[in-house]
């Protein structure tokens, strides 16, 4: 399976390991023949296929890793939906690798309201008002058997 989506430059092994394991891959092999593989299940045939990505750990340092050419294999002929799923997974991994290593952009800081209220502007006030209009009142909740949350007052009975 050939794909141009993966980033083949060297990356820190710990980050590559973290990304791959968070995507369902498990590490197999030792030393120079380390591979990460993940099962892909075809729901129509109930067959399992394996997406495997080799890792070169000696890519100029013991803490660096270089992703090799991925492969997809299984006992049966690989159906097109499984190949599409594998390619999609590889694009997703490539996107994670690029986002972490190539675009080191700080996330935008949350803007605080300038007016000291919960809403930032008139548009947000209107949107919140529409949301509140669609919510049931406490008496409507009582009639339907629900308990208002949070309980803002207790009736004196």
C-alpha atoms as a PDB file:
ATOM      1  CA  UNK A   1       0.000   0.000   0.000  1.00  0.00           C
ATOM      2  CA  UNK A   2       1.558   3.254  -1.111  1.00  0.00           C
ATOM      3  CA  UNK A   3       0.468   6.585   0.270  1.00  0.00           C
ATOM      4  CA  UNK A   4       1.844  10.069   0.022  1.00  0.00           C
ATOM      5  CA  UNK A   5      -0.006  11.177   3.132  1.00  0.00           C
ATOM      6  CA  UNK A   6       2.458  10.044   5.795  1.00  0.00           C
ATOM      7  CA  UNK A   7       5.256  12.268   6.974  1.00  0.00           C
ATOM      8  CA  UNK A   8       8.452  10.311   6.410  1.00  0.00           C
ATOM      9  CA  UNK A   9      10.877  12.706   8.112  1.00  0.00           C
ATOM     10  CA  UNK A  10      12.359  11.802  11.471  1.00  0.00           C
ATOM     11  CA  UNK A  11      10.277  12.671  14.492  1.00  0.00           C
ATOM     12  CA  UNK A  12      10.713  12.165  18.255  1.00  0.00           C
ATOM     13  CA  UNK A  13       9.896   8.526  18.990  1.00  0.00           C
ATOM     14  CA  UNK A  14       7.841   9.346  22.084  1.00  0.00           C
ATOM     15  CA  UNK A  15       5.506  11.623  20.090  1.00  0.00           C
ATOM     16  CA  UNK A  16       5.160   9.136  17.224  1.00  0.00           C
ATOM     17  CA  UNK A  17       4.425   6.360  19.724  1.00  0.00           C
ATOM     18  CA  UNK A  18       1.834   8.515  21.471  1.00  0.00           C
ATOM     19  CA  UNK A  19       0.030   9.398  18.241  1.00  0.00           C
ATOM     20  CA  UNK A  20       0.025   5.859  16.882  1.00  0.00           C
ATOM     21  CA  UNK A  21      -1.159   4.245  20.108  1.00  0.00           C
ATOM     22  CA  UNK A  22      -3.912   6.842  20.496  1.00  0.00           C
ATOM     23  CA  UNK A  23      -5.075   5.820  17.007  1.00  0.00           C
ATOM     24  CA  UNK A  24      -5.415   2.147  17.985  1.00  0.00           C
ATOM     25  CA  UNK A  25      -1.998   0.867  16.932  1.00  0.00           C
ATOM     26  CA  UNK A  26       0.068  -1.486  19.053  1.00  0.00           C
ATOM     27  CA  UNK A  27       3.827  -1.758  18.905  1.00  0.00           C
ATOM     28  CA  UNK A  28       5.333  -5.061  17.773  1.00  0.00           C
ATOM     29  CA  UNK A  29       8.941  -6.110  17.322  1.00  0.00           C
ATOM     30  CA  UNK A  30      12.098  -4.938  19.008  1.00  0.00           C
ATOM     31  CA  UNK A  31      15.176  -2.877  18.197  1.00  0.00           C
ATOM     32  CA  UNK A  32      15.460  -2.137  14.482  1.00  0.00           C
ATOM     33  CA  UNK A  33      12.340  -4.011  13.367  1.00  0.00           C
ATOM     34  CA  UNK A  34       9.713  -2.100  15.323  1.00  0.00           C
ATOM     35  CA  UNK A  35       6.298  -1.921  13.702  1.00  0.00           C
ATOM     36  CA  UNK A  36       2.997  -0.495  14.733  1.00  0.00           C
ATOM     37  CA  UNK A  37      -0.110  -2.289  13.600  1.00  0.00           C
ATOM     38  CA  UNK A  38      -3.816  -1.788  13.958  1.00  0.00           C
ATOM     39  CA  UNK A  39      -6.709  -4.093  13.109  1.00  0.00           C
ATOM     40  CA  UNK A  40      -9.278  -3.019  10.537  1.00  0.00           C
ATOM     41  CA  UNK A  41     -12.504  -5.024  10.626  1.00  0.00           C
ATOM     42  CA  UNK A  42     -14.662  -5.508   7.552  1.00  0.00           C
ATOM     43  CA  UNK A  43     -18.218  -5.598   8.837  1.00  0.00           C
ATOM     44  CA  UNK A  44     -19.624  -7.287   5.726  1.00  0.00           C
ATOM     45  CA  UNK A  45     -17.315 -10.322   5.870  1.00  0.00           C
ATOM     46  CA  UNK A  46     -16.359 -10.163   9.570  1.00  0.00           C
ATOM     47  CA  UNK A  47     -12.711 -10.429   8.457  1.00  0.00           C
ATOM     48  CA  UNK A  48      -9.821  -8.675  10.177  1.00  0.00           C
ATOM     49  CA  UNK A  49      -7.118  -6.911   8.178  1.00  0.00           C
ATOM     50  CA  UNK A  50      -3.957  -5.356   9.559  1.00  0.00           C
ATOM     51  CA  UNK A  51      -2.564  -1.916   8.815  1.00  0.00           C
ATOM     52  CA  UNK A  52       1.127  -1.916   9.641  1.00  0.00           C
ATOM     53  CA  UNK A  53       3.625   0.945   9.767  1.00  0.00           C
ATOM     54  CA  UNK A  54       7.314   0.114  10.214  1.00  0.00           C
ATOM     55  CA  UNK A  55       9.463   2.453  12.286  1.00  0.00           C
ATOM     56  CA  UNK A  56      13.182   3.034  11.816  1.00  0.00           C
ATOM     57  CA  UNK A  57      14.457   3.922  15.282  1.00  0.00           C
ATOM     58  CA  UNK A  58      18.005   4.634  14.157  1.00  0.00           C
ATOM     59  CA  UNK A  59      17.095   7.696  12.124  1.00  0.00           C
ATOM     60  CA  UNK A  60      20.074   9.719  13.407  1.00  0.00           C
ATOM     61  CA  UNK A  61      19.465   9.231  17.101  1.00  0.00           C
ATOM     62  CA  UNK A  62      18.093   6.792  19.677  1.00  0.00           C
ATOM     63  CA  UNK A  63      15.121   9.012  20.462  1.00  0.00           C
ATOM     64  CA  UNK A  64      14.157   9.622  16.824  1.00  0.00           C
ATOM     65  CA  UNK A  65      11.851   7.614  14.618  1.00  0.00           C
ATOM     66  CA  UNK A  66      11.247   7.586  10.903  1.00  0.00           C
ATOM     67  CA  UNK A  67       8.007   6.125   9.583  1.00  0.00           C
ATOM     68  CA  UNK A  68       8.380   3.539   6.863  1.00  0.00           C
ATOM     69  CA  UNK A  69       6.050   2.612   4.022  1.00  0.00           C
ATOM     70  CA  UNK A  70       2.767   1.267   5.437  1.00  0.00           C
ATOM     71  CA  UNK A  71       1.314  -2.083   4.410  1.00  0.00           C
ATOM     72  CA  UNK A  72      -2.152  -3.621   4.595  1.00  0.00           C
ATOM     73  CA  UNK A  73      -2.624  -7.361   4.750  1.00  0.00           C
ATOM     74  CA  UNK A  74      -5.054 -10.089   5.703  1.00  0.00           C
ATOM     75  CA  UNK A  75      -6.015 -13.684   4.975  1.00  0.00           C
ATOM     76  CA  UNK A  76      -8.489 -12.738   2.236  1.00  0.00           C
ATOM     77  CA  UNK A  77      -8.407 -10.345  -0.686  1.00  0.00           C
ATOM     78  CA  UNK A  78      -8.650  -6.838   0.747  1.00  0.00           C
ATOM     79  CA  UNK A  79     -11.993  -5.199  -0.110  1.00  0.00           C
ATOM     80  CA  UNK A  80     -12.077  -1.620  -1.367  1.00  0.00           C
ATOM     81  CA  UNK A  81     -13.845  -0.243   1.769  1.00  0.00           C
ATOM     82  CA  UNK A  82     -11.043  -1.640   3.938  1.00  0.00           C
ATOM     83  CA  UNK A  83      -8.410  -0.053   1.674  1.00  0.00           C
ATOM     84  CA  UNK A  84     -10.315   3.241   1.905  1.00  0.00           C
ATOM     85  CA  UNK A  85     -10.462   2.963   5.705  1.00  0.00           C
ATOM     86  CA  UNK A  86      -6.718   2.280   5.854  1.00  0.00           C
ATOM     87  CA  UNK A  87      -5.961   5.261   3.639  1.00  0.00           C
ATOM     88  CA  UNK A  88      -8.234   7.452   5.752  1.00  0.00           C
ATOM     89  CA  UNK A  89      -6.438   6.312   8.917  1.00  0.00           C
ATOM     90  CA  UNK A  90      -3.066   7.114   7.345  1.00  0.00           C
ATOM     91  CA  UNK A  91      -4.226  10.607   6.368  1.00  0.00           C
ATOM     92  CA  UNK A  92      -5.464  11.121   9.922  1.00  0.00           C
ATOM     93  CA  UNK A  93      -2.103  10.067  11.382  1.00  0.00           C
ATOM     94  CA  UNK A  94      -0.264  12.299   8.895  1.00  0.00           C
ATOM     95  CA  UNK A  95      -2.469  15.202   9.919  1.00  0.00           C
ATOM     96  CA  UNK A  96      -1.666  14.640  13.600  1.00  0.00           C
ATOM     97  CA  UNK A  97       2.048  14.443  12.831  1.00  0.00           C
ATOM     98  CA  UNK A  98       1.961  17.654  10.793  1.00  0.00           C
ATOM     99  CA  UNK A  99      -0.115  19.532  13.361  1.00  0.00           C
ATOM    100  CA  UNK A 100       2.159  18.615  16.223  1.00  0.00           C
ATOM    101  CA  UNK A 101       5.485  19.070  14.486  1.00  0.00           C
ATOM    102  CA  UNK A 102       5.105  21.484  11.604  1.00  0.00           C
ATOM    103  CA  UNK A 103       2.557  23.981  12.827  1.00  0.00           C
ATOM    104  CA  UNK A 104       3.677  24.952  16.251  1.00  0.00           C
ATOM    105  CA  UNK A 105       1.011  27.589  16.577  1.00  0.00           C
ATOM    106  CA  UNK A 106      -0.261  28.438  20.003  1.00  0.00           C
ATOM    107  CA  UNK A 107      -3.967  27.816  20.453  1.00  0.00           C
ATOM    108  CA  UNK A 108      -6.037  31.001  20.458  1.00  0.00           C
ATOM    109  CA  UNK A 109      -6.550  32.444  23.880  1.00  0.00           C
ATOM    110  CA  UNK A 110     -10.094  32.630  25.126  1.00  0.00           C
ATOM    111  CA  UNK A 111     -11.488  36.103  24.807  1.00  0.00           C
ATOM    112  CA  UNK A 112     -13.056  37.435  27.919  1.00  0.00           C
ATOM    113  CA  UNK A 113     -16.283  39.393  27.674  1.00  0.00           C
ATOM    114  CA  UNK A 114     -15.568  43.112  27.646  1.00  0.00           C
ATOM    115  CA  UNK A 115     -18.857  44.029  29.288  1.00  0.00           C
ATOM    116  CA  UNK A 116     -18.608  41.974  32.490  1.00  0.00           C
ATOM    117  CA  UNK A 117     -21.515  39.691  31.583  1.00  0.00           C
ATOM    118  CA  UNK A 118     -21.840  36.130  30.364  1.00  0.00           C
ATOM    119  CA  UNK A 119     -22.609  37.210  26.817  1.00  0.00           C
ATOM    120  CA  UNK A 120     -19.969  38.950  24.705  1.00  0.00           C
ATOM    121  CA  UNK A 121     -22.258  40.909  22.413  1.00  0.00           C
ATOM    122  CA  UNK A 122     -25.860  41.511  21.353  1.00  0.00           C
ATOM    123  CA  UNK A 123     -25.873  38.574  18.923  1.00  0.00           C
ATOM    124  CA  UNK A 124     -24.931  36.182  21.708  1.00  0.00           C
ATOM    125  CA  UNK A 125     -27.614  37.658  23.953  1.00  0.00           C
ATOM    126  CA  UNK A 126     -30.213  37.021  21.225  1.00  0.00           C
ATOM    127  CA  UNK A 127     -28.984  33.454  20.718  1.00  0.00           C
ATOM    128  CA  UNK A 128     -29.107  32.737  24.444  1.00  0.00           C
ATOM    129  CA  UNK A 129     -32.583  34.249  24.634  1.00  0.00           C
ATOM    130  CA  UNK A 130     -33.821  31.908  21.898  1.00  0.00           C
ATOM    131  CA  UNK A 131     -32.311  28.948  23.743  1.00  0.00           C
ATOM    132  CA  UNK A 132     -34.064  29.985  26.944  1.00  0.00           C
ATOM    133  CA  UNK A 133     -37.419  30.376  25.148  1.00  0.00           C
ATOM    134  CA  UNK A 134     -37.334  26.744  24.087  1.00  0.00           C
ATOM    135  CA  UNK A 135     -36.606  25.481  27.614  1.00  0.00           C
ATOM    136  CA  UNK A 136     -39.545  24.362  29.762  1.00  0.00           C
ATOM    137  CA  UNK A 137     -40.439  26.427  32.812  1.00  0.00           C
ATOM    138  CA  UNK A 138     -40.348  25.048  36.365  1.00  0.00           C
ATOM    139  CA  UNK A 139     -44.146  24.656  36.414  1.00  0.00           C
ATOM    140  CA  UNK A 140     -44.032  22.769  33.090  1.00  0.00           C
ATOM    141  CA  UNK A 141     -41.363  20.497  34.508  1.00  0.00           C
ATOM    142  CA  UNK A 142     -43.424  19.901  37.666  1.00  0.00           C
ATOM    143  CA  UNK A 143     -46.486  18.977  35.565  1.00  0.00           C
ATOM    144  CA  UNK A 144     -44.483  16.448  33.565  1.00  0.00           C
ATOM    145  CA  UNK A 145     -43.011  14.874  36.721  1.00  0.00           C
ATOM    146  CA  UNK A 146     -39.487  16.219  36.284  1.00  0.00           C
ATOM    147  CA  UNK A 147     -37.510  18.015  38.988  1.00  0.00           C
ATOM    148  CA  UNK A 148     -36.161  21.439  37.999  1.00  0.00           C
ATOM    149  CA  UNK A 149     -32.374  21.588  38.004  1.00  0.00           C
ATOM    150  CA  UNK A 150     -30.906  23.476  39.636  1.00  0.00           C
ATOM    151  CA  UNK A 151     -33.549  23.931  42.272  1.00  0.00           C
ATOM    152  CA  UNK A 152     -33.530  27.681  42.823  1.00  0.00           C
ATOM    153  CA  UNK A 153     -36.125  27.888  45.515  1.00  0.00           C
ATOM    154  CA  UNK A 154     -38.056  25.611  47.815  1.00  0.00           C
ATOM    155  CA  UNK A 155     -41.758  26.041  48.219  1.00  0.00           C
ATOM    156  CA  UNK A 156     -43.095  26.312  51.753  1.00  0.00           C
ATOM    157  CA  UNK A 157     -45.556  23.448  52.250  1.00  0.00           C
END
